[in-house]
Amino acid sequence: MPDRDGRPSPEALLKQAAREDKRGRLKIFLGAAPGVGKTWAMLSAAQARRREGGEVVMGVVEPHGRAETAALTEGLETIPRHTVLHRGHALDEMDLDAILARHPALVLVDELAHSNAAPGQIGGSRHPKRHMDVAELLAAGIDVWTTLNIQHVESLNDVVAGITRI
């Protein structure tokens, strides 16, 4: 309730802050090109967080055959992917519902600009784009660390602005 100056009361501000505090936080590991070490940096930071006692799970991480990157997944809980049939091929996609049900403090979601398989189809992904999955995780109060190549920034400009409010 506003006071006589039209400003919100301290109680109203505290309630608003509590609502905003429930939203997850987003950290983007940005790189100039594929193969520059975004996933490696994200996993290194995740291992440091885990050593400090933080809860970290992998929603989807793509080591792309790099042994050093794959080694950094050791000891991190993995949310199993679900299989989606798309154009006659079985593809493993991030299981958004399993992550939401598990509700970890922090989830790693590689490749923010990824296009999901079979969006809207039975057994397919709920959203056409991974950034939409990330937005849903953040709205549920789950922190997300993700990777993004610089060439995708322009196409995701409005999305990132909406998530970061900047």
C-alpha atoms as a PDB file:
ATOM      1  CA  MET A   1       0.000   0.000   0.000  1.00  0.00           C
ATOM      2  CA  PRO A   2       1.461   3.398  -0.962  1.00  0.00           C
ATOM      3  CA  ASP A   3       2.101   5.975   1.723  1.00  0.00           C
ATOM      4  CA  ARG A   4       0.795   9.543   1.445  1.00  0.00           C
ATOM      5  CA  ASP A   5       3.739  10.507  -0.838  1.00  0.00           C
ATOM      6  CA  GLY A   6       2.699   7.822  -3.327  1.00  0.00           C
ATOM      7  CA  ARG A   7       5.720   5.663  -2.524  1.00  0.00           C
ATOM      8  CA  PRO A   8       5.344   1.952  -1.778  1.00  0.00           C
ATOM      9  CA  SER A   9       5.420   0.961   1.863  1.00  0.00           C
ATOM     10  CA  PRO A  10       8.452  -0.909   3.224  1.00  0.00           C
ATOM     11  CA  GLU A  11       6.263  -3.998   3.613  1.00  0.00           C
ATOM     12  CA  ALA A  12       5.217  -3.847  -0.040  1.00  0.00           C
ATOM     13  CA  LEU A  13       8.842  -3.491  -1.131  1.00  0.00           C
ATOM     14  CA  LEU A  14       9.852  -6.503   0.995  1.00  0.00           C
ATOM     15  CA  LYS A  15       7.071  -8.597  -0.533  1.00  0.00           C
ATOM     16  CA  GLN A  16       8.150  -7.595  -4.051  1.00  0.00           C
ATOM     17  CA  ALA A  17      11.786  -8.403  -3.254  1.00  0.00           C
ATOM     18  CA  ALA A  18      10.780 -11.818  -1.904  1.00  0.00           C
ATOM     19  CA  ARG A  19       8.861 -12.580  -5.116  1.00  0.00           C
ATOM     20  CA  GLU A  20      11.784 -11.494  -7.301  1.00  0.00           C
ATOM     21  CA  ASP A  21      14.248 -13.449  -5.173  1.00  0.00           C
ATOM     22  CA  LYS A  22      12.503 -16.708  -6.119  1.00  0.00           C
ATOM     23  CA  ARG A  23      13.499 -16.346  -9.761  1.00  0.00           C
ATOM     24  CA  GLY A  24      16.588 -18.270 -10.817  1.00  0.00           C
ATOM     25  CA  ARG A  25      19.765 -16.521 -11.909  1.00  0.00           C
ATOM     26  CA  LEU A  26      21.375 -16.938 -15.313  1.00  0.00           C
ATOM     27  CA  LYS A  27      25.096 -17.085 -16.079  1.00  0.00           C
ATOM     28  CA  ILE A  28      26.180 -17.250 -19.732  1.00  0.00           C
ATOM     29  CA  PHE A  29      29.607 -18.536 -20.755  1.00  0.00           C
ATOM     30  CA  LEU A  30      30.129 -16.644 -24.000  1.00  0.00           C
ATOM     31  CA  GLY A  31      32.645 -17.612 -26.649  1.00  0.00           C
ATOM     32  CA  ALA A  32      33.823 -16.289 -29.983  1.00  0.00           C
ATOM     33  CA  ALA A  33      33.384 -19.604 -31.819  1.00  0.00           C
ATOM     34  CA  PRO A  34      32.789 -23.323 -31.328  1.00  0.00           C
ATOM     35  CA  GLY A  35      35.676 -25.065 -29.591  1.00  0.00           C
ATOM     36  CA  VAL A  36      37.060 -22.098 -27.647  1.00  0.00           C
ATOM     37  CA  GLY A  37      36.344 -23.605 -24.218  1.00  0.00           C
ATOM     38  CA  LYS A  38      32.913 -22.385 -23.121  1.00  0.00           C
ATOM     39  CA  THR A  39      31.734 -25.793 -21.916  1.00  0.00           C
ATOM     40  CA  TRP A  40      35.124 -26.487 -20.313  1.00  0.00           C
ATOM     41  CA  ALA A  41      34.934 -23.161 -18.421  1.00  0.00           C
ATOM     42  CA  MET A  42      31.342 -23.827 -17.342  1.00  0.00           C
ATOM     43  CA  LEU A  43      32.217 -27.310 -16.072  1.00  0.00           C
ATOM     44  CA  SER A  44      35.342 -26.032 -14.287  1.00  0.00           C
ATOM     45  CA  ALA A  45      33.253 -23.420 -12.479  1.00  0.00           C
ATOM     46  CA  ALA A  46      30.605 -26.056 -11.703  1.00  0.00           C
ATOM     47  CA  GLN A  47      33.230 -28.349 -10.168  1.00  0.00           C
ATOM     48  CA  ALA A  48      34.447 -25.453  -8.000  1.00  0.00           C
ATOM     49  CA  ARG A  49      30.842 -24.783  -6.890  1.00  0.00           C
ATOM     50  CA  ARG A  50      30.381 -28.482  -6.076  1.00  0.00           C
ATOM     51  CA  ARG A  51      33.618 -28.556  -4.035  1.00  0.00           C
ATOM     52  CA  GLU A  52      32.268 -25.584  -2.058  1.00  0.00           C
ATOM     53  CA  GLY A  53      29.178 -27.652  -1.211  1.00  0.00           C
ATOM     54  CA  GLY A  54      26.838 -26.256  -3.841  1.00  0.00           C
ATOM     55  CA  GLU A  55      24.223 -28.407  -5.548  1.00  0.00           C
ATOM     56  CA  VAL A  56      24.985 -28.707  -9.274  1.00  0.00           C
ATOM     57  CA  VAL A  57      23.354 -31.024 -11.806  1.00  0.00           C
ATOM     58  CA  MET A  58      23.838 -31.401 -15.547  1.00  0.00           C
ATOM     59  CA  GLY A  59      20.685 -30.944 -17.599  1.00  0.00           C
ATOM     60  CA  VAL A  60      22.553 -31.245 -20.877  1.00  0.00           C
ATOM     61  CA  VAL A  61      26.283 -30.969 -21.496  1.00  0.00           C
ATOM     62  CA  GLU A  62      27.981 -31.663 -24.834  1.00  0.00           C
ATOM     63  CA  PRO A  63      31.718 -32.484 -24.481  1.00  0.00           C
ATOM     64  CA  HIS A  64      31.914 -32.924 -28.296  1.00  0.00           C
ATOM     65  CA  GLY A  65      34.452 -35.746 -27.975  1.00  0.00           C
ATOM     66  CA  ARG A  66      36.935 -33.648 -25.991  1.00  0.00           C
ATOM     67  CA  ALA A  67      38.447 -35.867 -23.261  1.00  0.00           C
ATOM     68  CA  GLU A  68      39.433 -32.906 -21.065  1.00  0.00           C
ATOM     69  CA  THR A  69      35.898 -31.576 -21.136  1.00  0.00           C
ATOM     70  CA  ALA A  70      34.335 -34.990 -20.524  1.00  0.00           C
ATOM     71  CA  ALA A  71      36.622 -35.491 -17.512  1.00  0.00           C
ATOM     72  CA  LEU A  72      35.140 -32.382 -15.906  1.00  0.00           C
ATOM     73  CA  THR A  73      31.713 -34.056 -15.763  1.00  0.00           C
ATOM     74  CA  GLU A  74      33.015 -36.612 -13.227  1.00  0.00           C
ATOM     75  CA  GLY A  75      31.140 -36.412  -9.938  1.00  0.00           C
ATOM     76  CA  LEU A  76      28.351 -34.205 -11.267  1.00  0.00           C
ATOM     77  CA  GLU A  77      24.830 -35.600 -11.148  1.00  0.00           C
ATOM     78  CA  THR A  78      23.286 -35.974 -14.600  1.00  0.00           C
ATOM     79  CA  ILE A  79      19.591 -35.672 -15.339  1.00  0.00           C
ATOM     80  CA  PRO A  80      18.966 -38.397 -17.945  1.00  0.00           C
ATOM     81  CA  ARG A  81      17.872 -37.132 -21.335  1.00  0.00           C
ATOM     82  CA  HIS A  82      14.688 -38.266 -23.025  1.00  0.00           C
ATOM     83  CA  THR A  83      14.560 -39.686 -26.531  1.00  0.00           C
ATOM     84  CA  VAL A  84      12.604 -37.775 -29.156  1.00  0.00           C
ATOM     85  CA  LEU A  85      11.704 -39.179 -32.561  1.00  0.00           C
ATOM     86  CA  HIS A  86      12.341 -36.494 -35.139  1.00  0.00           C
ATOM     87  CA  ARG A  87      12.178 -37.079 -38.905  1.00  0.00           C
ATOM     88  CA  GLY A  88      12.833 -40.782 -38.468  1.00  0.00           C
ATOM     89  CA  HIS A  89      15.778 -40.337 -36.104  1.00  0.00           C
ATOM     90  CA  ALA A  90      15.964 -40.918 -32.367  1.00  0.00           C
ATOM     91  CA  LEU A  91      17.523 -37.861 -30.710  1.00  0.00           C
ATOM     92  CA  ASP A  92      18.416 -37.393 -27.058  1.00  0.00           C
ATOM     93  CA  GLU A  93      17.128 -34.073 -25.736  1.00  0.00           C
ATOM     94  CA  MET A  94      17.229 -32.371 -22.365  1.00  0.00           C
ATOM     95  CA  ASP A  95      14.418 -33.570 -20.084  1.00  0.00           C
ATOM     96  CA  LEU A  96      12.912 -30.297 -18.918  1.00  0.00           C
ATOM     97  CA  ASP A  97      10.216 -31.979 -16.817  1.00  0.00           C
ATOM     98  CA  ALA A  98      12.762 -34.144 -14.991  1.00  0.00           C
ATOM     99  CA  ILE A  99      14.844 -31.066 -14.135  1.00  0.00           C
ATOM    100  CA  LEU A 100      11.777 -29.186 -12.913  1.00  0.00           C
ATOM    101  CA  ALA A 101      10.765 -32.195 -10.782  1.00  0.00           C
ATOM    102  CA  ARG A 102      14.296 -32.547  -9.355  1.00  0.00           C
ATOM    103  CA  HIS A 103      14.466 -28.746  -8.789  1.00  0.00           C
ATOM    104  CA  PRO A 104      18.222 -28.421  -8.234  1.00  0.00           C
ATOM    105  CA  ALA A 105      19.815 -25.205  -7.032  1.00  0.00           C
ATOM    106  CA  LEU A 106      21.890 -25.004 -10.234  1.00  0.00           C
ATOM    107  CA  VAL A 107      21.551 -26.788 -13.565  1.00  0.00           C
ATOM    108  CA  LEU A 108      24.034 -26.756 -16.446  1.00  0.00           C
ATOM    109  CA  VAL A 109      22.379 -26.302 -19.842  1.00  0.00           C
ATOM    110  CA  ASP A 110      24.875 -26.278 -22.699  1.00  0.00           C
ATOM    111  CA  GLU A 111      24.177 -24.491 -26.009  1.00  0.00           C
ATOM    112  CA  LEU A 112      21.523 -21.869 -25.244  1.00  0.00           C
ATOM    113  CA  ALA A 113      20.777 -21.293 -28.962  1.00  0.00           C
ATOM    114  CA  HIS A 114      19.977 -24.996 -29.619  1.00  0.00           C
ATOM    115  CA  SER A 115      16.794 -25.851 -31.550  1.00  0.00           C
ATOM    116  CA  ASN A 116      14.836 -28.602 -29.806  1.00  0.00           C
ATOM    117  CA  ALA A 117      13.560 -31.638 -31.673  1.00  0.00           C
ATOM    118  CA  ALA A 118       9.887 -32.142 -32.505  1.00  0.00           C
ATOM    119  CA  PRO A 119       8.485 -29.229 -30.487  1.00  0.00           C
ATOM    120  CA  GLY A 120       4.794 -29.560 -29.693  1.00  0.00           C
ATOM    121  CA  GLN A 121       4.567 -33.147 -30.954  1.00  0.00           C
ATOM    122  CA  ILE A 122       3.661 -36.055 -28.695  1.00  0.00           C
ATOM    123  CA  GLY A 123       6.898 -37.185 -27.077  1.00  0.00           C
ATOM    124  CA  GLY A 124       8.708 -34.141 -28.439  1.00  0.00           C
ATOM    125  CA  SER A 125      10.136 -31.108 -26.723  1.00  0.00           C
ATOM    126  CA  ARG A 126       7.761 -28.634 -25.106  1.00  0.00           C
ATOM    127  CA  HIS A 127       9.498 -25.590 -26.592  1.00  0.00           C
ATOM    128  CA  PRO A 128      11.026 -25.084 -30.046  1.00  0.00           C
ATOM    129  CA  LYS A 129      14.197 -23.484 -28.614  1.00  0.00           C
ATOM    130  CA  ARG A 130      16.400 -24.302 -25.643  1.00  0.00           C
ATOM    131  CA  HIS A 131      16.382 -20.674 -24.489  1.00  0.00           C
ATOM    132  CA  MET A 132      12.657 -21.149 -23.828  1.00  0.00           C
ATOM    133  CA  ASP A 133      13.467 -24.166 -21.630  1.00  0.00           C
ATOM    134  CA  VAL A 134      15.981 -22.002 -19.759  1.00  0.00           C
ATOM    135  CA  ALA A 135      13.378 -19.269 -19.251  1.00  0.00           C
ATOM    136  CA  GLU A 136      11.034 -21.854 -17.725  1.00  0.00           C
ATOM    137  CA  LEU A 137      13.779 -23.132 -15.403  1.00  0.00           C
ATOM    138  CA  LEU A 138      14.580 -19.583 -14.270  1.00  0.00           C
ATOM    139  CA  ALA A 139      10.892 -18.845 -13.660  1.00  0.00           C
ATOM    140  CA  ALA A 140      10.778 -21.984 -11.472  1.00  0.00           C
ATOM    141  CA  GLY A 141      13.568 -20.556  -9.302  1.00  0.00           C
ATOM    142  CA  ILE A 142      16.394 -22.717 -10.649  1.00  0.00           C
ATOM    143  CA  ASP A 143      19.746 -21.096 -11.392  1.00  0.00           C
ATOM    144  CA  VAL A 144      21.056 -21.893 -14.881  1.00  0.00           C
ATOM    145  CA  TRP A 145      24.557 -21.780 -16.307  1.00  0.00           C
ATOM    146  CA  THR A 146      24.680 -22.013 -20.077  1.00  0.00           C
ATOM    147  CA  THR A 147      26.982 -21.513 -23.059  1.00  0.00           C
ATOM    148  CA  LEU A 148      26.525 -19.336 -26.113  1.00  0.00           C
ATOM    149  CA  ASN A 149      28.552 -18.617 -29.238  1.00  0.00           C
ATOM    150  CA  ILE A 150      28.852 -14.953 -30.104  1.00  0.00           C
ATOM    151  CA  GLN A 151      27.317 -15.452 -33.568  1.00  0.00           C
ATOM    152  CA  HIS A 152      24.006 -16.338 -31.867  1.00  0.00           C
ATOM    153  CA  VAL A 153      23.825 -13.169 -29.765  1.00  0.00           C
ATOM    154  CA  GLU A 154      22.015 -11.054 -32.360  1.00  0.00           C
ATOM    155  CA  SER A 155      19.312 -13.671 -32.888  1.00  0.00           C
ATOM    156  CA  LEU A 156      18.834 -14.020 -29.105  1.00  0.00           C
ATOM    157  CA  ASN A 157      19.111 -10.327 -28.266  1.00  0.00           C
ATOM    158  CA  ASP A 158      15.447  -9.931 -27.278  1.00  0.00           C
ATOM    159  CA  VAL A 159      15.460 -13.223 -25.346  1.00  0.00           C
ATOM    160  CA  VAL A 160      18.570 -12.357 -23.323  1.00  0.00           C
ATOM    161  CA  ALA A 161      17.211  -8.864 -22.648  1.00  0.00           C
ATOM    162  CA  GLY A 162      13.950 -10.377 -21.413  1.00  0.00           C
ATOM    163  CA  ILE A 163      15.705 -12.810 -19.091  1.00  0.00           C
ATOM    164  CA  THR A 164      18.300 -10.376 -17.746  1.00  0.00           C
ATOM    165  CA  ARG A 165      15.941  -7.367 -17.779  1.00  0.00           C
ATOM    166  CA  ILE A 166      18.795  -5.323 -19.270  1.00  0.00           C
END
